[in-house]
């Protein structure tokens, strides 16, 4: 799994699956997207969860869910009082971004180009948890999947505001090896995941 699927969410999914299917055990590992592709191609994993999934010669991508993206900042940030954020509002703010090598960064860069916004990147991180940490100490603003900040918003450590833009979502998918059939437990887990898209 990529880190941003969330330890809490996947721990809950694993616990529920293992309680429904007696004797089934799921081993979860969190890693960067490129390492997930590599683990599958080298037969070190049965399936993977990634954002911006792409099929390859060796792997098949199945769309799992679309995650709404939102503007995120510290509650004391001047934009925290807004009801809706326009893309242009972010030109004036220090932006905490993903590393350039990640698909989500490329998607956000494209979003800003399409809206004619040049933003100031203050920090770059390779995972959402580090971005949330920077935001929670007031070190800038970001755009993140809404579901990844629910806990921090509930605890009032961060504020999430809708963005005035069509189609700003993060696709998440399941990767499978083309040449290897899943075990019966793996097939059940795949079906279980597909039933729990939200």
N, C-alpha and C. Protein backbone atom coordinates (compact mmCIF):
# COMPACT_ATOMS: atom_id res chain seq x y z
N UNK A 1 0.84 -1.19 0.00
CA UNK A 1 0.00 0.00 0.00
C UNK A 1 0.87 1.24 0.00
N UNK A 2 0.40 2.28 -0.68
CA UNK A 2 1.06 3.56 -0.51
C UNK A 2 0.73 4.07 0.88
N UNK A 3 1.60 4.92 1.42
CA UNK A 3 1.43 5.42 2.78
C UNK A 3 0.10 6.11 2.98
N UNK A 4 -0.35 6.84 1.97
CA UNK A 4 -1.53 7.68 2.15
C UNK A 4 -2.85 6.92 2.17
N UNK A 5 -2.83 5.63 1.89
CA UNK A 5 -4.07 4.86 2.07
C UNK A 5 -4.43 4.88 3.55
N UNK A 6 -3.42 4.94 4.39
CA UNK A 6 -3.65 5.16 5.81
C UNK A 6 -3.54 3.90 6.65
N UNK A 7 -2.71 3.99 7.67
CA UNK A 7 -2.53 2.87 8.58
C UNK A 7 -3.84 2.50 9.25
N UNK A 8 -4.57 3.51 9.71
CA UNK A 8 -5.83 3.24 10.42
C UNK A 8 -6.83 2.55 9.50
N UNK A 9 -6.99 3.10 8.30
CA UNK A 9 -7.98 2.54 7.37
C UNK A 9 -7.64 1.10 7.01
N UNK A 10 -6.39 0.83 6.66
CA UNK A 10 -6.02 -0.52 6.24
C UNK A 10 -5.99 -1.49 7.41
N UNK A 11 -5.64 -1.01 8.60
CA UNK A 11 -5.68 -1.89 9.77
C UNK A 11 -7.12 -2.34 10.02
N UNK A 12 -8.05 -1.40 9.85
CA UNK A 12 -9.48 -1.71 10.03
C UNK A 12 -9.95 -2.70 8.96
N UNK A 13 -9.54 -2.48 7.72
CA UNK A 13 -9.90 -3.38 6.61
C UNK A 13 -9.36 -4.78 6.88
N UNK A 14 -8.08 -4.85 7.27
CA UNK A 14 -7.47 -6.16 7.54
C UNK A 14 -8.19 -6.87 8.68
N UNK A 15 -8.45 -6.15 9.76
CA UNK A 15 -9.12 -6.75 10.91
C UNK A 15 -10.50 -7.29 10.53
N UNK A 16 -11.25 -6.50 9.78
CA UNK A 16 -12.59 -6.92 9.36
C UNK A 16 -12.51 -8.14 8.44
N UNK A 17 -11.58 -8.13 7.49
CA UNK A 17 -11.44 -9.25 6.56
C UNK A 17 -11.06 -10.52 7.31
N UNK A 18 -10.07 -10.42 8.19
CA UNK A 18 -9.61 -11.61 8.92
C UNK A 18 -10.68 -12.15 9.86
N UNK A 19 -11.56 -11.28 10.37
CA UNK A 19 -12.64 -11.77 11.23
C UNK A 19 -13.73 -12.47 10.42
N UNK A 20 -13.93 -12.04 9.17
CA UNK A 20 -14.94 -12.67 8.31
C UNK A 20 -14.47 -13.99 7.72
N UNK A 21 -13.18 -14.08 7.44
CA UNK A 21 -12.63 -15.27 6.79
C UNK A 21 -11.65 -15.94 7.74
N UNK A 22 -12.16 -16.86 8.51
CA UNK A 22 -11.38 -17.54 9.53
C UNK A 22 -10.12 -18.16 8.93
N UNK A 23 -8.99 -17.87 9.54
CA UNK A 23 -7.72 -18.43 9.08
C UNK A 23 -7.01 -17.59 8.04
N UNK A 24 -7.69 -16.63 7.44
CA UNK A 24 -7.05 -15.76 6.44
C UNK A 24 -6.18 -14.73 7.15
N UNK A 25 -4.99 -14.52 6.65
CA UNK A 25 -4.07 -13.53 7.20
C UNK A 25 -3.55 -12.65 6.08
N UNK A 26 -3.60 -11.35 6.29
CA UNK A 26 -3.14 -10.38 5.31
C UNK A 26 -1.91 -9.68 5.87
N UNK A 27 -0.84 -9.67 5.11
CA UNK A 27 0.36 -8.94 5.51
C UNK A 27 0.41 -7.65 4.70
N UNK A 28 0.42 -6.52 5.39
CA UNK A 28 0.45 -5.22 4.73
C UNK A 28 1.84 -4.61 4.86
N UNK A 29 2.31 -4.02 3.77
CA UNK A 29 3.55 -3.26 3.79
C UNK A 29 3.28 -1.93 3.12
N UNK A 30 3.85 -0.88 3.69
CA UNK A 30 3.69 0.46 3.14
C UNK A 30 4.99 0.88 2.47
N UNK A 31 4.87 1.40 1.24
CA UNK A 31 6.05 1.82 0.50
C UNK A 31 5.67 2.83 -0.57
N UNK A 32 6.70 3.41 -1.18
CA UNK A 32 6.48 4.36 -2.27
C UNK A 32 5.87 3.62 -3.46
N UNK A 33 5.12 4.33 -4.31
CA UNK A 33 4.47 3.69 -5.45
C UNK A 33 5.42 2.90 -6.35
N UNK A 34 6.59 3.45 -6.66
CA UNK A 34 7.53 2.74 -7.54
C UNK A 34 7.98 1.42 -6.93
N UNK A 35 8.08 1.38 -5.61
CA UNK A 35 8.48 0.15 -4.92
C UNK A 35 7.35 -0.89 -4.94
N UNK A 36 6.11 -0.43 -4.98
CA UNK A 36 4.97 -1.35 -5.07
C UNK A 36 4.97 -2.02 -6.44
N UNK A 37 5.16 -1.23 -7.50
CA UNK A 37 5.25 -1.81 -8.84
C UNK A 37 6.39 -2.84 -8.89
N UNK A 38 7.53 -2.46 -8.32
CA UNK A 38 8.70 -3.34 -8.32
C UNK A 38 8.42 -4.64 -7.55
N UNK A 39 7.80 -4.53 -6.38
CA UNK A 39 7.50 -5.72 -5.57
C UNK A 39 6.57 -6.67 -6.31
N UNK A 40 5.59 -6.14 -7.01
CA UNK A 40 4.68 -6.98 -7.79
C UNK A 40 5.39 -7.62 -8.97
N UNK A 41 6.19 -6.84 -9.68
CA UNK A 41 6.90 -7.38 -10.85
C UNK A 41 7.91 -8.45 -10.46
N UNK A 42 8.45 -8.35 -9.23
CA UNK A 42 9.41 -9.34 -8.75
C UNK A 42 8.75 -10.43 -7.92
N UNK A 43 7.43 -10.51 -7.96
CA UNK A 43 6.65 -11.53 -7.27
C UNK A 43 6.87 -11.54 -5.75
N UNK A 44 7.08 -10.36 -5.18
CA UNK A 44 7.22 -10.24 -3.73
C UNK A 44 5.93 -9.74 -3.09
N UNK A 45 4.88 -9.54 -3.91
CA UNK A 45 3.58 -9.10 -3.41
C UNK A 45 2.50 -9.68 -4.32
N UNK A 46 1.31 -9.87 -3.77
CA UNK A 46 0.20 -10.41 -4.55
C UNK A 46 -0.65 -9.31 -5.18
N UNK A 47 -0.83 -8.22 -4.45
CA UNK A 47 -1.55 -7.08 -5.01
C UNK A 47 -1.04 -5.81 -4.35
N UNK A 48 -1.31 -4.68 -4.99
CA UNK A 48 -0.85 -3.40 -4.47
C UNK A 48 -1.93 -2.35 -4.60
N UNK A 49 -1.92 -1.40 -3.70
CA UNK A 49 -2.82 -0.25 -3.75
C UNK A 49 -1.99 0.99 -4.00
N UNK A 50 -2.29 1.69 -5.10
CA UNK A 50 -1.52 2.88 -5.48
C UNK A 50 -2.46 3.98 -5.96
N UNK A 51 -1.97 5.20 -5.90
CA UNK A 51 -2.71 6.30 -6.52
C UNK A 51 -2.24 6.43 -7.96
N UNK A 52 -3.10 6.97 -8.80
CA UNK A 52 -2.82 7.13 -10.23
C UNK A 52 -2.31 5.81 -10.83
N UNK A 53 -3.09 4.74 -10.68
CA UNK A 53 -2.64 3.41 -11.13
C UNK A 53 -2.48 3.36 -12.65
N UNK A 54 -1.47 2.61 -13.08
CA UNK A 54 -1.23 2.45 -14.52
C UNK A 54 -0.89 0.99 -14.80
N UNK A 55 -1.57 0.42 -15.77
CA UNK A 55 -1.24 -0.94 -16.20
C UNK A 55 0.10 -0.93 -16.92
N UNK A 56 0.81 -2.03 -16.79
CA UNK A 56 2.08 -2.22 -17.51
C UNK A 56 1.99 -3.56 -18.22
N UNK A 57 3.07 -3.93 -18.88
CA UNK A 57 3.10 -5.24 -19.54
C UNK A 57 2.92 -6.37 -18.53
N UNK A 58 3.47 -6.18 -17.33
CA UNK A 58 3.43 -7.21 -16.30
C UNK A 58 2.24 -7.09 -15.34
N UNK A 59 1.69 -5.87 -15.23
CA UNK A 59 0.68 -5.61 -14.21
C UNK A 59 -0.61 -5.06 -14.80
N UNK A 60 -1.71 -5.41 -14.15
CA UNK A 60 -3.03 -4.93 -14.54
C UNK A 60 -3.55 -4.02 -13.43
N UNK A 61 -4.02 -2.83 -13.81
CA UNK A 61 -4.58 -1.89 -12.84
C UNK A 61 -6.10 -1.93 -12.87
N UNK A 62 -6.70 -1.99 -11.69
CA UNK A 62 -8.15 -1.96 -11.54
C UNK A 62 -8.50 -0.68 -10.78
N UNK A 63 -9.38 0.13 -11.34
CA UNK A 63 -9.81 1.33 -10.62
C UNK A 63 -10.54 0.92 -9.36
N UNK A 64 -10.20 1.58 -8.26
CA UNK A 64 -10.82 1.24 -6.97
C UNK A 64 -11.74 2.37 -6.51
N UNK A 65 -11.20 3.59 -6.39
CA UNK A 65 -12.02 4.71 -5.96
C UNK A 65 -11.38 6.03 -6.40
N UNK A 66 -12.21 7.07 -6.39
CA UNK A 66 -11.75 8.43 -6.66
C UNK A 66 -11.86 9.20 -5.35
N UNK A 67 -10.77 9.83 -4.95
CA UNK A 67 -10.75 10.57 -3.69
C UNK A 67 -10.77 12.08 -3.96
N UNK A 68 -11.76 12.76 -3.41
CA UNK A 68 -11.88 14.20 -3.57
C UNK A 68 -10.69 14.90 -2.92
N UNK A 69 -10.13 15.88 -3.64
CA UNK A 69 -9.00 16.66 -3.12
C UNK A 69 -9.54 17.96 -2.54
N UNK A 70 -8.91 18.41 -1.44
CA UNK A 70 -9.32 19.64 -0.77
C UNK A 70 -8.10 20.48 -0.41
N UNK A 71 -8.34 21.75 -0.20
CA UNK A 71 -7.32 22.66 0.31
C UNK A 71 -7.17 22.39 1.80
N UNK A 72 -5.92 22.34 2.29
CA UNK A 72 -5.67 22.04 3.70
C UNK A 72 -4.67 23.06 4.26
N UNK A 73 -4.96 23.54 5.48
CA UNK A 73 -4.04 24.47 6.14
C UNK A 73 -4.24 24.40 7.65
N UNK A 74 -3.39 25.12 8.37
CA UNK A 74 -3.50 25.27 9.82
C UNK A 74 -4.70 26.17 10.12
N UNK A 75 -5.41 25.95 11.22
CA UNK A 75 -6.58 26.78 11.55
C UNK A 75 -6.28 28.28 11.66
N UNK A 76 -5.04 28.66 11.93
CA UNK A 76 -4.71 30.08 12.06
C UNK A 76 -4.33 30.73 10.74
N UNK A 77 -4.24 29.97 9.66
CA UNK A 77 -3.86 30.53 8.36
C UNK A 77 -4.97 31.47 7.87
N UNK A 78 -4.61 32.59 7.23
CA UNK A 78 -5.64 33.54 6.74
C UNK A 78 -6.70 32.90 5.83
N UNK A 79 -6.33 31.90 5.04
CA UNK A 79 -7.30 31.26 4.14
C UNK A 79 -8.23 30.28 4.87
N UNK A 80 -7.93 29.98 6.13
CA UNK A 80 -8.73 29.00 6.89
C UNK A 80 -10.16 29.47 7.10
N UNK A 81 -10.42 30.76 6.95
CA UNK A 81 -11.77 31.29 7.17
C UNK A 81 -12.64 31.23 5.91
N UNK A 82 -12.04 30.91 4.78
CA UNK A 82 -12.78 30.88 3.51
C UNK A 82 -13.73 29.68 3.47
N UNK A 83 -14.82 29.83 2.71
CA UNK A 83 -15.77 28.73 2.52
C UNK A 83 -15.41 27.90 1.29
N UNK A 84 -14.73 28.55 0.34
CA UNK A 84 -14.33 27.90 -0.91
C UNK A 84 -13.01 28.53 -1.34
N UNK A 85 -12.11 27.71 -1.83
CA UNK A 85 -10.80 28.19 -2.29
C UNK A 85 -10.77 28.16 -3.81
N UNK A 86 -10.37 29.27 -4.40
CA UNK A 86 -10.15 29.33 -5.85
C UNK A 86 -8.69 29.01 -6.11
N UNK A 87 -8.37 28.38 -7.24
CA UNK A 87 -6.96 28.05 -7.52
C UNK A 87 -6.03 29.26 -7.39
N UNK A 88 -6.48 30.43 -7.83
CA UNK A 88 -5.65 31.63 -7.75
C UNK A 88 -5.29 32.04 -6.33
N UNK A 89 -6.10 31.64 -5.35
CA UNK A 89 -5.81 31.97 -3.94
C UNK A 89 -4.48 31.37 -3.50
N UNK A 90 -4.07 30.29 -4.15
CA UNK A 90 -2.87 29.57 -3.73
C UNK A 90 -1.58 30.19 -4.25
N UNK A 91 -1.69 31.16 -5.16
CA UNK A 91 -0.50 31.82 -5.69
C UNK A 91 0.20 32.64 -4.60
N UNK A 92 -0.53 33.03 -3.59
CA UNK A 92 0.02 33.88 -2.53
C UNK A 92 0.49 33.08 -1.32
N UNK A 93 0.34 31.79 -1.34
CA UNK A 93 0.61 30.98 -0.15
C UNK A 93 1.83 30.08 -0.35
N UNK A 94 2.57 29.84 0.74
CA UNK A 94 3.67 28.86 0.71
C UNK A 94 3.04 27.48 0.58
N UNK A 95 3.40 26.77 -0.47
CA UNK A 95 2.77 25.49 -0.77
C UNK A 95 3.67 24.35 -0.31
N UNK A 96 3.09 23.41 0.42
CA UNK A 96 3.80 22.20 0.84
C UNK A 96 3.39 21.12 -0.14
N UNK A 97 4.35 20.64 -0.91
CA UNK A 97 4.04 19.78 -2.04
C UNK A 97 4.63 18.38 -1.89
N UNK A 98 4.21 17.53 -2.81
CA UNK A 98 4.78 16.20 -2.93
C UNK A 98 6.08 16.29 -3.72
N UNK A 99 6.96 15.31 -3.54
CA UNK A 99 8.19 15.23 -4.34
C UNK A 99 7.85 15.19 -5.82
N UNK A 100 8.73 15.73 -6.62
CA UNK A 100 8.51 15.82 -8.07
C UNK A 100 8.33 14.46 -8.74
N UNK A 101 8.90 13.42 -8.21
CA UNK A 101 8.81 12.11 -8.85
C UNK A 101 7.49 11.39 -8.67
N UNK A 102 6.60 11.93 -7.87
CA UNK A 102 5.33 11.25 -7.59
C UNK A 102 4.23 11.69 -8.56
N UNK A 103 3.37 10.74 -8.93
CA UNK A 103 2.26 11.04 -9.85
C UNK A 103 1.34 12.13 -9.32
N UNK A 104 1.09 12.14 -8.03
CA UNK A 104 0.20 13.15 -7.46
C UNK A 104 0.80 14.54 -7.64
N UNK A 105 2.12 14.66 -7.56
CA UNK A 105 2.77 15.96 -7.80
C UNK A 105 2.57 16.39 -9.25
N UNK A 106 2.77 15.46 -10.18
CA UNK A 106 2.58 15.80 -11.59
C UNK A 106 1.13 16.23 -11.86
N UNK A 107 0.18 15.55 -11.23
CA UNK A 107 -1.23 15.91 -11.41
C UNK A 107 -1.51 17.31 -10.85
N UNK A 108 -0.96 17.62 -9.69
CA UNK A 108 -1.17 18.95 -9.11
C UNK A 108 -0.46 20.03 -9.92
N UNK A 109 0.74 19.74 -10.41
CA UNK A 109 1.45 20.70 -11.28
C UNK A 109 0.60 21.01 -12.52
N UNK A 110 0.02 19.97 -13.10
CA UNK A 110 -0.84 20.14 -14.28
C UNK A 110 -2.08 20.99 -13.92
N UNK A 111 -2.67 20.71 -12.78
CA UNK A 111 -3.83 21.47 -12.30
C UNK A 111 -3.49 22.96 -12.22
N UNK A 112 -2.36 23.29 -11.61
CA UNK A 112 -1.98 24.70 -11.48
C UNK A 112 -1.68 25.33 -12.83
N UNK A 113 -1.02 24.61 -13.72
CA UNK A 113 -0.75 25.13 -15.07
C UNK A 113 -2.06 25.44 -15.79
N UNK A 114 -3.00 24.50 -15.73
CA UNK A 114 -4.29 24.68 -16.40
C UNK A 114 -5.06 25.89 -15.87
N UNK A 115 -4.81 26.26 -14.62
CA UNK A 115 -5.49 27.41 -14.02
C UNK A 115 -4.62 28.66 -14.01
N UNK A 116 -3.47 28.60 -14.67
CA UNK A 116 -2.59 29.76 -14.78
C UNK A 116 -2.03 30.24 -13.46
N UNK A 117 -1.79 29.31 -12.53
CA UNK A 117 -1.30 29.67 -11.20
C UNK A 117 0.15 29.23 -11.03
N UNK A 118 1.00 30.19 -10.67
CA UNK A 118 2.37 29.86 -10.28
C UNK A 118 2.42 29.92 -8.77
N UNK A 119 2.76 28.83 -8.15
CA UNK A 119 2.77 28.81 -6.69
C UNK A 119 4.20 28.71 -6.18
N UNK A 120 4.37 29.11 -4.94
CA UNK A 120 5.67 29.04 -4.27
C UNK A 120 5.72 27.73 -3.48
N UNK A 121 6.61 26.82 -3.88
CA UNK A 121 6.76 25.56 -3.15
C UNK A 121 7.75 25.79 -2.02
N UNK A 122 7.25 25.70 -0.79
CA UNK A 122 8.09 25.91 0.39
C UNK A 122 8.80 24.63 0.80
N UNK A 123 8.10 23.51 0.71
CA UNK A 123 8.64 22.21 1.12
C UNK A 123 8.13 21.14 0.17
N UNK A 124 8.91 20.07 0.04
CA UNK A 124 8.50 18.90 -0.74
C UNK A 124 8.73 17.66 0.11
N UNK A 125 7.73 16.78 0.14
CA UNK A 125 7.84 15.53 0.89
C UNK A 125 7.34 14.38 0.04
N UNK A 126 7.75 13.16 0.39
CA UNK A 126 7.34 12.00 -0.40
C UNK A 126 6.13 11.28 0.17
N UNK A 127 5.52 11.84 1.24
CA UNK A 127 4.33 11.20 1.77
C UNK A 127 3.41 12.21 2.45
N UNK A 128 2.16 11.86 2.51
CA UNK A 128 1.13 12.75 3.05
C UNK A 128 1.34 13.02 4.53
N UNK A 129 1.80 12.05 5.28
CA UNK A 129 1.98 12.25 6.72
C UNK A 129 2.94 13.41 7.00
N UNK A 130 4.04 13.48 6.27
CA UNK A 130 4.99 14.58 6.47
C UNK A 130 4.38 15.91 6.06
N UNK A 131 3.60 15.91 4.99
CA UNK A 131 2.93 17.15 4.58
C UNK A 131 1.98 17.61 5.68
N UNK A 132 1.20 16.68 6.23
CA UNK A 132 0.27 17.04 7.30
C UNK A 132 1.01 17.58 8.53
N UNK A 133 2.16 17.00 8.84
CA UNK A 133 2.95 17.48 9.98
C UNK A 133 3.39 18.92 9.75
N UNK A 134 3.88 19.22 8.53
CA UNK A 134 4.30 20.59 8.22
C UNK A 134 3.12 21.56 8.33
N UNK A 135 1.97 21.16 7.81
CA UNK A 135 0.79 22.03 7.87
C UNK A 135 0.34 22.24 9.31
N UNK A 136 0.43 21.21 10.13
CA UNK A 136 -0.07 21.30 11.51
C UNK A 136 0.78 22.22 12.38
N UNK A 137 2.00 22.54 11.93
CA UNK A 137 2.81 23.52 12.66
C UNK A 137 2.86 24.86 11.91
N UNK A 138 1.93 25.03 10.97
CA UNK A 138 1.77 26.31 10.30
C UNK A 138 2.79 26.63 9.23
N UNK A 139 3.36 25.61 8.60
CA UNK A 139 4.42 25.83 7.62
C UNK A 139 3.93 25.92 6.18
N UNK A 140 2.68 26.24 5.95
CA UNK A 140 2.19 26.42 4.59
C UNK A 140 0.82 25.81 4.39
N UNK A 141 0.48 25.62 3.11
CA UNK A 141 -0.81 25.06 2.72
C UNK A 141 -0.57 23.94 1.72
N UNK A 142 -1.61 23.14 1.47
CA UNK A 142 -1.46 22.07 0.49
C UNK A 142 -2.83 21.69 -0.06
N UNK A 143 -2.80 20.78 -1.02
CA UNK A 143 -3.99 20.13 -1.55
C UNK A 143 -3.79 18.64 -1.32
N UNK A 144 -4.74 18.03 -0.59
CA UNK A 144 -4.62 16.62 -0.21
C UNK A 144 -5.97 15.93 -0.39
N UNK A 145 -5.95 14.59 -0.48
CA UNK A 145 -7.22 13.86 -0.50
C UNK A 145 -7.97 14.10 0.82
N UNK A 146 -9.24 14.44 0.71
CA UNK A 146 -10.04 14.77 1.89
C UNK A 146 -10.03 13.65 2.93
N UNK A 147 -10.12 12.42 2.50
CA UNK A 147 -10.20 11.31 3.45
C UNK A 147 -8.92 11.16 4.28
N UNK A 148 -7.79 11.68 3.78
CA UNK A 148 -6.53 11.53 4.51
C UNK A 148 -6.36 12.55 5.63
N UNK A 149 -7.24 13.55 5.70
CA UNK A 149 -7.12 14.58 6.75
C UNK A 149 -8.33 14.61 7.69
N UNK A 150 -9.20 13.65 7.58
CA UNK A 150 -10.42 13.65 8.41
C UNK A 150 -10.12 13.69 9.90
N UNK A 151 -9.17 12.90 10.33
CA UNK A 151 -8.85 12.84 11.76
C UNK A 151 -8.30 14.18 12.25
N UNK A 152 -7.37 14.76 11.50
CA UNK A 152 -6.77 16.04 11.89
C UNK A 152 -7.80 17.17 11.88
N UNK A 153 -8.73 17.12 10.94
CA UNK A 153 -9.80 18.13 10.89
C UNK A 153 -10.73 17.95 12.10
N UNK A 154 -11.08 16.71 12.42
CA UNK A 154 -11.94 16.44 13.58
C UNK A 154 -11.28 16.90 14.88
N UNK A 155 -9.95 16.77 14.94
CA UNK A 155 -9.20 17.20 16.13
C UNK A 155 -8.87 18.69 16.10
N UNK A 156 -9.29 19.38 15.04
CA UNK A 156 -9.07 20.82 14.85
C UNK A 156 -7.59 21.19 14.75
N UNK A 157 -6.78 20.24 14.29
CA UNK A 157 -5.37 20.54 14.04
C UNK A 157 -5.17 21.07 12.63
N UNK A 158 -6.10 20.75 11.72
CA UNK A 158 -6.06 21.23 10.34
C UNK A 158 -7.47 21.63 9.91
N UNK A 159 -7.52 22.43 8.86
CA UNK A 159 -8.79 22.84 8.25
C UNK A 159 -8.78 22.35 6.81
N UNK A 160 -9.89 21.79 6.35
CA UNK A 160 -10.03 21.35 4.96
C UNK A 160 -11.17 22.14 4.33
N UNK A 161 -10.89 22.71 3.15
CA UNK A 161 -11.86 23.57 2.47
C UNK A 161 -12.00 23.10 1.02
N UNK A 162 -13.23 23.03 0.50
CA UNK A 162 -13.41 22.64 -0.90
C UNK A 162 -12.70 23.61 -1.85
N UNK A 163 -12.32 23.08 -3.00
CA UNK A 163 -11.64 23.87 -4.03
C UNK A 163 -12.61 24.08 -5.19
N UNK A 164 -12.68 25.31 -5.65
CA UNK A 164 -13.56 25.65 -6.77
C UNK A 164 -12.90 25.19 -8.07
N UNK A 165 -13.04 23.92 -8.35
CA UNK A 165 -12.45 23.34 -9.57
C UNK A 165 -13.12 22.01 -9.84
N UNK A 166 -13.41 21.76 -11.09
CA UNK A 166 -14.05 20.50 -11.48
C UNK A 166 -13.03 19.37 -11.56
N UNK A 167 -13.44 18.22 -11.09
CA UNK A 167 -12.67 17.00 -11.31
C UNK A 167 -11.34 16.89 -10.60
N UNK A 168 -11.14 17.62 -9.52
CA UNK A 168 -9.88 17.50 -8.79
C UNK A 168 -9.99 16.33 -7.82
N UNK A 169 -9.59 15.16 -8.29
CA UNK A 169 -9.67 13.93 -7.52
C UNK A 169 -8.36 13.15 -7.66
N UNK A 170 -8.13 12.27 -6.71
CA UNK A 170 -6.99 11.36 -6.78
C UNK A 170 -7.53 9.96 -7.04
N UNK A 171 -7.22 9.39 -8.21
CA UNK A 171 -7.64 8.01 -8.45
C UNK A 171 -6.75 7.03 -7.68
N UNK A 172 -7.38 6.05 -7.07
CA UNK A 172 -6.65 4.99 -6.36
C UNK A 172 -7.06 3.68 -7.01
N UNK A 173 -6.07 2.81 -7.22
CA UNK A 173 -6.36 1.55 -7.87
C UNK A 173 -5.64 0.38 -7.24
N UNK A 174 -6.03 -0.79 -7.70
CA UNK A 174 -5.45 -2.05 -7.24
C UNK A 174 -4.61 -2.60 -8.38
N UNK A 175 -3.37 -2.97 -8.08
CA UNK A 175 -2.49 -3.57 -9.07
C UNK A 175 -2.40 -5.07 -8.85
N UNK A 176 -2.47 -5.82 -9.95
CA UNK A 176 -2.37 -7.28 -9.91
C UNK A 176 -1.37 -7.74 -10.96
N UNK A 177 -0.72 -8.85 -10.69
CA UNK A 177 0.16 -9.45 -11.68
C UNK A 177 -0.70 -10.08 -12.78
N UNK A 178 -0.31 -9.86 -14.02
CA UNK A 178 -1.08 -10.43 -15.14
C UNK A 178 -0.91 -11.95 -15.23
N UNK A 179 0.27 -12.44 -14.95
CA UNK A 179 0.58 -13.86 -15.19
C UNK A 179 0.37 -14.77 -13.98
N UNK A 180 0.01 -14.18 -12.85
CA UNK A 180 -0.14 -14.99 -11.64
C UNK A 180 -1.56 -14.90 -11.12
N UNK A 181 -2.15 -16.04 -10.89
CA UNK A 181 -3.50 -16.10 -10.33
C UNK A 181 -3.40 -15.92 -8.82
N UNK A 182 -4.31 -15.14 -8.28
CA UNK A 182 -4.35 -14.96 -6.83
C UNK A 182 -4.78 -16.25 -6.15
N UNK A 183 -4.32 -16.44 -4.92
CA UNK A 183 -4.78 -17.57 -4.11
C UNK A 183 -6.25 -17.34 -3.79
N UNK A 184 -6.96 -18.37 -3.32
CA UNK A 184 -8.36 -18.17 -2.93
C UNK A 184 -8.53 -17.04 -1.90
N UNK A 185 -7.61 -16.97 -0.93
CA UNK A 185 -7.69 -15.89 0.07
C UNK A 185 -7.43 -14.54 -0.60
N UNK A 186 -6.50 -14.49 -1.54
CA UNK A 186 -6.22 -13.26 -2.28
C UNK A 186 -7.41 -12.81 -3.10
N UNK A 187 -8.09 -13.76 -3.75
CA UNK A 187 -9.30 -13.44 -4.52
C UNK A 187 -10.39 -12.87 -3.61
N UNK A 188 -10.55 -13.49 -2.44
CA UNK A 188 -11.56 -13.00 -1.48
C UNK A 188 -11.21 -11.59 -1.01
N UNK A 189 -9.90 -11.35 -0.77
CA UNK A 189 -9.48 -10.02 -0.32
C UNK A 189 -9.71 -8.98 -1.41
N UNK A 190 -9.44 -9.34 -2.66
CA UNK A 190 -9.69 -8.43 -3.78
C UNK A 190 -11.18 -8.07 -3.84
N UNK A 191 -12.04 -9.07 -3.76
CA UNK A 191 -13.48 -8.83 -3.76
C UNK A 191 -13.90 -7.97 -2.57
N UNK A 192 -13.31 -8.26 -1.42
CA UNK A 192 -13.60 -7.52 -0.19
C UNK A 192 -13.24 -6.05 -0.37
N UNK A 193 -12.07 -5.77 -0.95
CA UNK A 193 -11.65 -4.39 -1.21
C UNK A 193 -12.61 -3.69 -2.17
N UNK A 194 -12.98 -4.40 -3.23
CA UNK A 194 -13.85 -3.80 -4.23
C UNK A 194 -15.23 -3.46 -3.66
N UNK A 195 -15.67 -4.21 -2.67
CA UNK A 195 -16.95 -3.93 -2.02
C UNK A 195 -16.86 -2.72 -1.09
N UNK A 196 -15.64 -2.33 -0.72
CA UNK A 196 -15.42 -1.23 0.23
C UNK A 196 -14.66 -0.08 -0.43
N UNK A 197 -15.21 0.41 -1.50
CA UNK A 197 -14.55 1.49 -2.25
C UNK A 197 -14.57 2.82 -1.51
N UNK A 198 -15.55 3.02 -0.64
CA UNK A 198 -15.69 4.34 0.00
C UNK A 198 -15.03 4.38 1.36
